[in-house]
Amino acid sequence: MMFSILTSVIKWFAIPVLLVASLFSGLAEGYEPLVNVLVCMAVILLVQRAAWLHQYVSGAGFIAVVVVFSPISLVVKIFLLLFLTCIAAFAALLAAFRNRPLPAVCETP
């Protein structure tokens, strides 16, 4: 019981806390690359945990946080988010249009 409450608290507060922390990462000046790498490593662990628990929506939110904190240029970040969005849309289309067997019709003589 306590483990599920702790997991729920971590899930609902981790993404907003990390995004608010991104506002203050510029104040770290000389330590900003180190802070960004540490945040990326922590979020990658949270993405693995979300995938293990089959919580794909929170995992997608964590991936967005990784892209925001990554030490790559802004243009690359924008295209990376665009690419990930296109992959998610394509996966949703594949899931929607996959072949499904027809229901069995029982004919009575």
C-alpha atoms as a PDB file:
ATOM      1  CA  MET A   1       0.000   0.000   0.000  1.00  0.00           C
ATOM      2  CA  MET A   2       2.727   2.444   0.994  1.00  0.00           C
ATOM      3  CA  PHE A   3       4.780   1.576  -2.119  1.00  0.00           C
ATOM      4  CA  SER A   4       1.879   2.422  -4.439  1.00  0.00           C
ATOM      5  CA  ILE A   5       1.330   5.769  -2.697  1.00  0.00           C
ATOM      6  CA  LEU A   6       5.024   6.609  -3.006  1.00  0.00           C
ATOM      7  CA  THR A   7       5.023   5.653  -6.687  1.00  0.00           C
ATOM      8  CA  SER A   8       1.967   7.804  -7.302  1.00  0.00           C
ATOM      9  CA  VAL A   9       3.531  10.809  -5.564  1.00  0.00           C
ATOM     10  CA  ILE A  10       6.749  10.430  -7.556  1.00  0.00           C
ATOM     11  CA  LYS A  11       4.814  10.078 -10.800  1.00  0.00           C
ATOM     12  CA  TRP A  12       2.640  13.159 -10.333  1.00  0.00           C
ATOM     13  CA  PHE A  13       5.281  15.492  -8.908  1.00  0.00           C
ATOM     14  CA  ALA A  14       8.462  14.532 -10.771  1.00  0.00           C
ATOM     15  CA  ILE A  15       7.650  16.152 -14.120  1.00  0.00           C
ATOM     16  CA  PRO A  16       6.426  19.522 -12.752  1.00  0.00           C
ATOM     17  CA  VAL A  17       9.336  19.718 -10.296  1.00  0.00           C
ATOM     18  CA  LEU A  18      11.848  19.049 -13.056  1.00  0.00           C
ATOM     19  CA  LEU A  19      10.254  21.631 -15.336  1.00  0.00           C
ATOM     20  CA  VAL A  20      10.270  24.250 -12.569  1.00  0.00           C
ATOM     21  CA  ALA A  21      13.903  23.375 -11.858  1.00  0.00           C
ATOM     22  CA  SER A  22      14.671  24.061 -15.517  1.00  0.00           C
ATOM     23  CA  LEU A  23      13.712  27.695 -14.911  1.00  0.00           C
ATOM     24  CA  PHE A  24      16.468  27.988 -12.318  1.00  0.00           C
ATOM     25  CA  SER A  25      19.147  25.947 -14.084  1.00  0.00           C
ATOM     26  CA  GLY A  26      20.504  29.151 -15.632  1.00  0.00           C
ATOM     27  CA  LEU A  27      21.387  30.381 -12.142  1.00  0.00           C
ATOM     28  CA  ALA A  28      23.885  27.557 -11.779  1.00  0.00           C
ATOM     29  CA  GLU A  29      26.090  29.242 -14.438  1.00  0.00           C
ATOM     30  CA  GLY A  30      29.324  27.238 -14.314  1.00  0.00           C
ATOM     31  CA  TYR A  31      27.564  24.112 -13.092  1.00  0.00           C
ATOM     32  CA  GLU A  32      24.737  24.191 -15.648  1.00  0.00           C
ATOM     33  CA  PRO A  33      26.119  21.382 -17.869  1.00  0.00           C
ATOM     34  CA  LEU A  34      26.621  19.174 -14.806  1.00  0.00           C
ATOM     35  CA  VAL A  35      23.104  19.930 -13.541  1.00  0.00           C
ATOM     36  CA  ASN A  36      21.634  19.145 -16.978  1.00  0.00           C
ATOM     37  CA  VAL A  37      23.494  15.836 -17.197  1.00  0.00           C
ATOM     38  CA  LEU A  38      22.395  14.839 -13.686  1.00  0.00           C
ATOM     39  CA  VAL A  39      18.764  15.692 -14.441  1.00  0.00           C
ATOM     40  CA  CYS A  40      18.918  13.755 -17.719  1.00  0.00           C
ATOM     41  CA  MET A  41      20.349  10.703 -15.943  1.00  0.00           C
ATOM     42  CA  ALA A  42      17.668  10.837 -13.248  1.00  0.00           C
ATOM     43  CA  VAL A  43      14.891  11.192 -15.802  1.00  0.00           C
ATOM     44  CA  ILE A  44      16.247   8.312 -17.881  1.00  0.00           C
ATOM     45  CA  LEU A  45      15.940   6.115 -14.784  1.00  0.00           C
ATOM     46  CA  LEU A  46      12.357   7.337 -14.324  1.00  0.00           C
ATOM     47  CA  VAL A  47      11.585   6.540 -17.987  1.00  0.00           C
ATOM     48  CA  GLN A  48      12.854   2.998 -17.486  1.00  0.00           C
ATOM     49  CA  ARG A  49      10.695   2.640 -14.382  1.00  0.00           C
ATOM     50  CA  ALA A  50       7.630   4.021 -16.184  1.00  0.00           C
ATOM     51  CA  ALA A  51       8.148   1.563 -19.045  1.00  0.00           C
ATOM     52  CA  TRP A  52       8.537  -1.307 -16.574  1.00  0.00           C
ATOM     53  CA  LEU A  53       5.261  -0.317 -14.884  1.00  0.00           C
ATOM     54  CA  HIS A  54       3.515   0.156 -18.286  1.00  0.00           C
ATOM     55  CA  GLN A  55       2.849   3.847 -17.558  1.00  0.00           C
ATOM     56  CA  TYR A  56       3.586   5.077 -21.045  1.00  0.00           C
ATOM     57  CA  VAL A  57       2.012   8.531 -20.691  1.00  0.00           C
ATOM     58  CA  SER A  58       4.245   9.502 -17.787  1.00  0.00           C
ATOM     59  CA  GLY A  59       7.183   7.981 -19.662  1.00  0.00           C
ATOM     60  CA  ALA A  60       6.459  10.281 -22.602  1.00  0.00           C
ATOM     61  CA  GLY A  61       6.405  13.250 -20.231  1.00  0.00           C
ATOM     62  CA  PHE A  62       9.771  12.215 -18.849  1.00  0.00           C
ATOM     63  CA  ILE A  63      11.170  11.943 -22.377  1.00  0.00           C
ATOM     64  CA  ALA A  64      10.086  15.533 -23.000  1.00  0.00           C
ATOM     65  CA  VAL A  65      11.970  16.567 -19.841  1.00  0.00           C
ATOM     66  CA  VAL A  66      15.093  14.774 -21.104  1.00  0.00           C
ATOM     67  CA  VAL A  67      14.895  16.681 -24.377  1.00  0.00           C
ATOM     68  CA  VAL A  68      14.464  19.999 -22.544  1.00  0.00           C
ATOM     69  CA  PHE A  69      17.474  19.386 -20.286  1.00  0.00           C
ATOM     70  CA  SER A  70      19.752  17.809 -22.891  1.00  0.00           C
ATOM     71  CA  PRO A  71      22.907  19.752 -23.701  1.00  0.00           C
ATOM     72  CA  ILE A  72      22.138  20.007 -27.428  1.00  0.00           C
ATOM     73  CA  SER A  73      21.195  23.122 -29.353  1.00  0.00           C
ATOM     74  CA  LEU A  74      17.642  24.469 -29.405  1.00  0.00           C
ATOM     75  CA  VAL A  75      17.091  23.692 -33.096  1.00  0.00           C
ATOM     76  CA  VAL A  76      18.064  20.071 -32.588  1.00  0.00           C
ATOM     77  CA  LYS A  77      15.761  19.880 -29.545  1.00  0.00           C
ATOM     78  CA  ILE A  78      12.821  21.191 -31.589  1.00  0.00           C
ATOM     79  CA  PHE A  79      13.409  18.702 -34.398  1.00  0.00           C
ATOM     80  CA  LEU A  80      13.882  15.879 -31.902  1.00  0.00           C
ATOM     81  CA  LEU A  81      10.546  16.651 -30.249  1.00  0.00           C
ATOM     82  CA  LEU A  82       8.934  16.889 -33.696  1.00  0.00           C
ATOM     83  CA  PHE A  83      10.425  13.510 -34.643  1.00  0.00           C
ATOM     84  CA  LEU A  84       9.213  11.883 -31.408  1.00  0.00           C
ATOM     85  CA  THR A  85       5.727  13.343 -31.959  1.00  0.00           C
ATOM     86  CA  CYS A  86       5.634  11.934 -35.489  1.00  0.00           C
ATOM     87  CA  ILE A  87       6.718   8.503 -34.247  1.00  0.00           C
ATOM     88  CA  ALA A  88       3.983   8.548 -31.587  1.00  0.00           C
ATOM     89  CA  ALA A  89       1.363   9.571 -34.162  1.00  0.00           C
ATOM     90  CA  PHE A  90       2.511   6.823 -36.527  1.00  0.00           C
ATOM     91  CA  ALA A  91       2.347   4.235 -33.722  1.00  0.00           C
ATOM     92  CA  ALA A  92      -1.183   5.384 -32.862  1.00  0.00           C
ATOM     93  CA  LEU A  93      -2.214   5.049 -36.515  1.00  0.00           C
ATOM     94  CA  LEU A  94      -0.743   1.565 -36.723  1.00  0.00           C
ATOM     95  CA  ALA A  95      -2.623   0.552 -33.595  1.00  0.00           C
ATOM     96  CA  ALA A  96      -5.879   1.997 -34.933  1.00  0.00           C
ATOM     97  CA  PHE A  97      -5.696   0.368 -38.360  1.00  0.00           C
ATOM     98  CA  ARG A  98      -4.220  -3.043 -37.565  1.00  0.00           C
ATOM     99  CA  ASN A  99      -6.102  -6.069 -38.825  1.00  0.00           C
ATOM    100  CA  ARG A 100      -8.491  -7.549 -36.348  1.00  0.00           C
ATOM    101  CA  PRO A 101     -10.300 -10.845 -36.807  1.00  0.00           C
ATOM    102  CA  LEU A 102     -13.984 -10.648 -37.543  1.00  0.00           C
ATOM    103  CA  PRO A 103     -16.327 -11.894 -34.854  1.00  0.00           C
ATOM    104  CA  ALA A 104     -17.486 -15.450 -35.376  1.00  0.00           C
ATOM    105  CA  VAL A 105     -21.012 -15.631 -36.755  1.00  0.00           C
ATOM    106  CA  CYS A 106     -22.940 -18.669 -35.684  1.00  0.00           C
ATOM    107  CA  GLU A 107     -25.402 -19.803 -38.377  1.00  0.00           C
ATOM    108  CA  THR A 108     -28.405 -21.796 -37.240  1.00  0.00           C
ATOM    109  CA  PRO A 109     -29.920 -24.278 -39.715  1.00  0.00           C
END
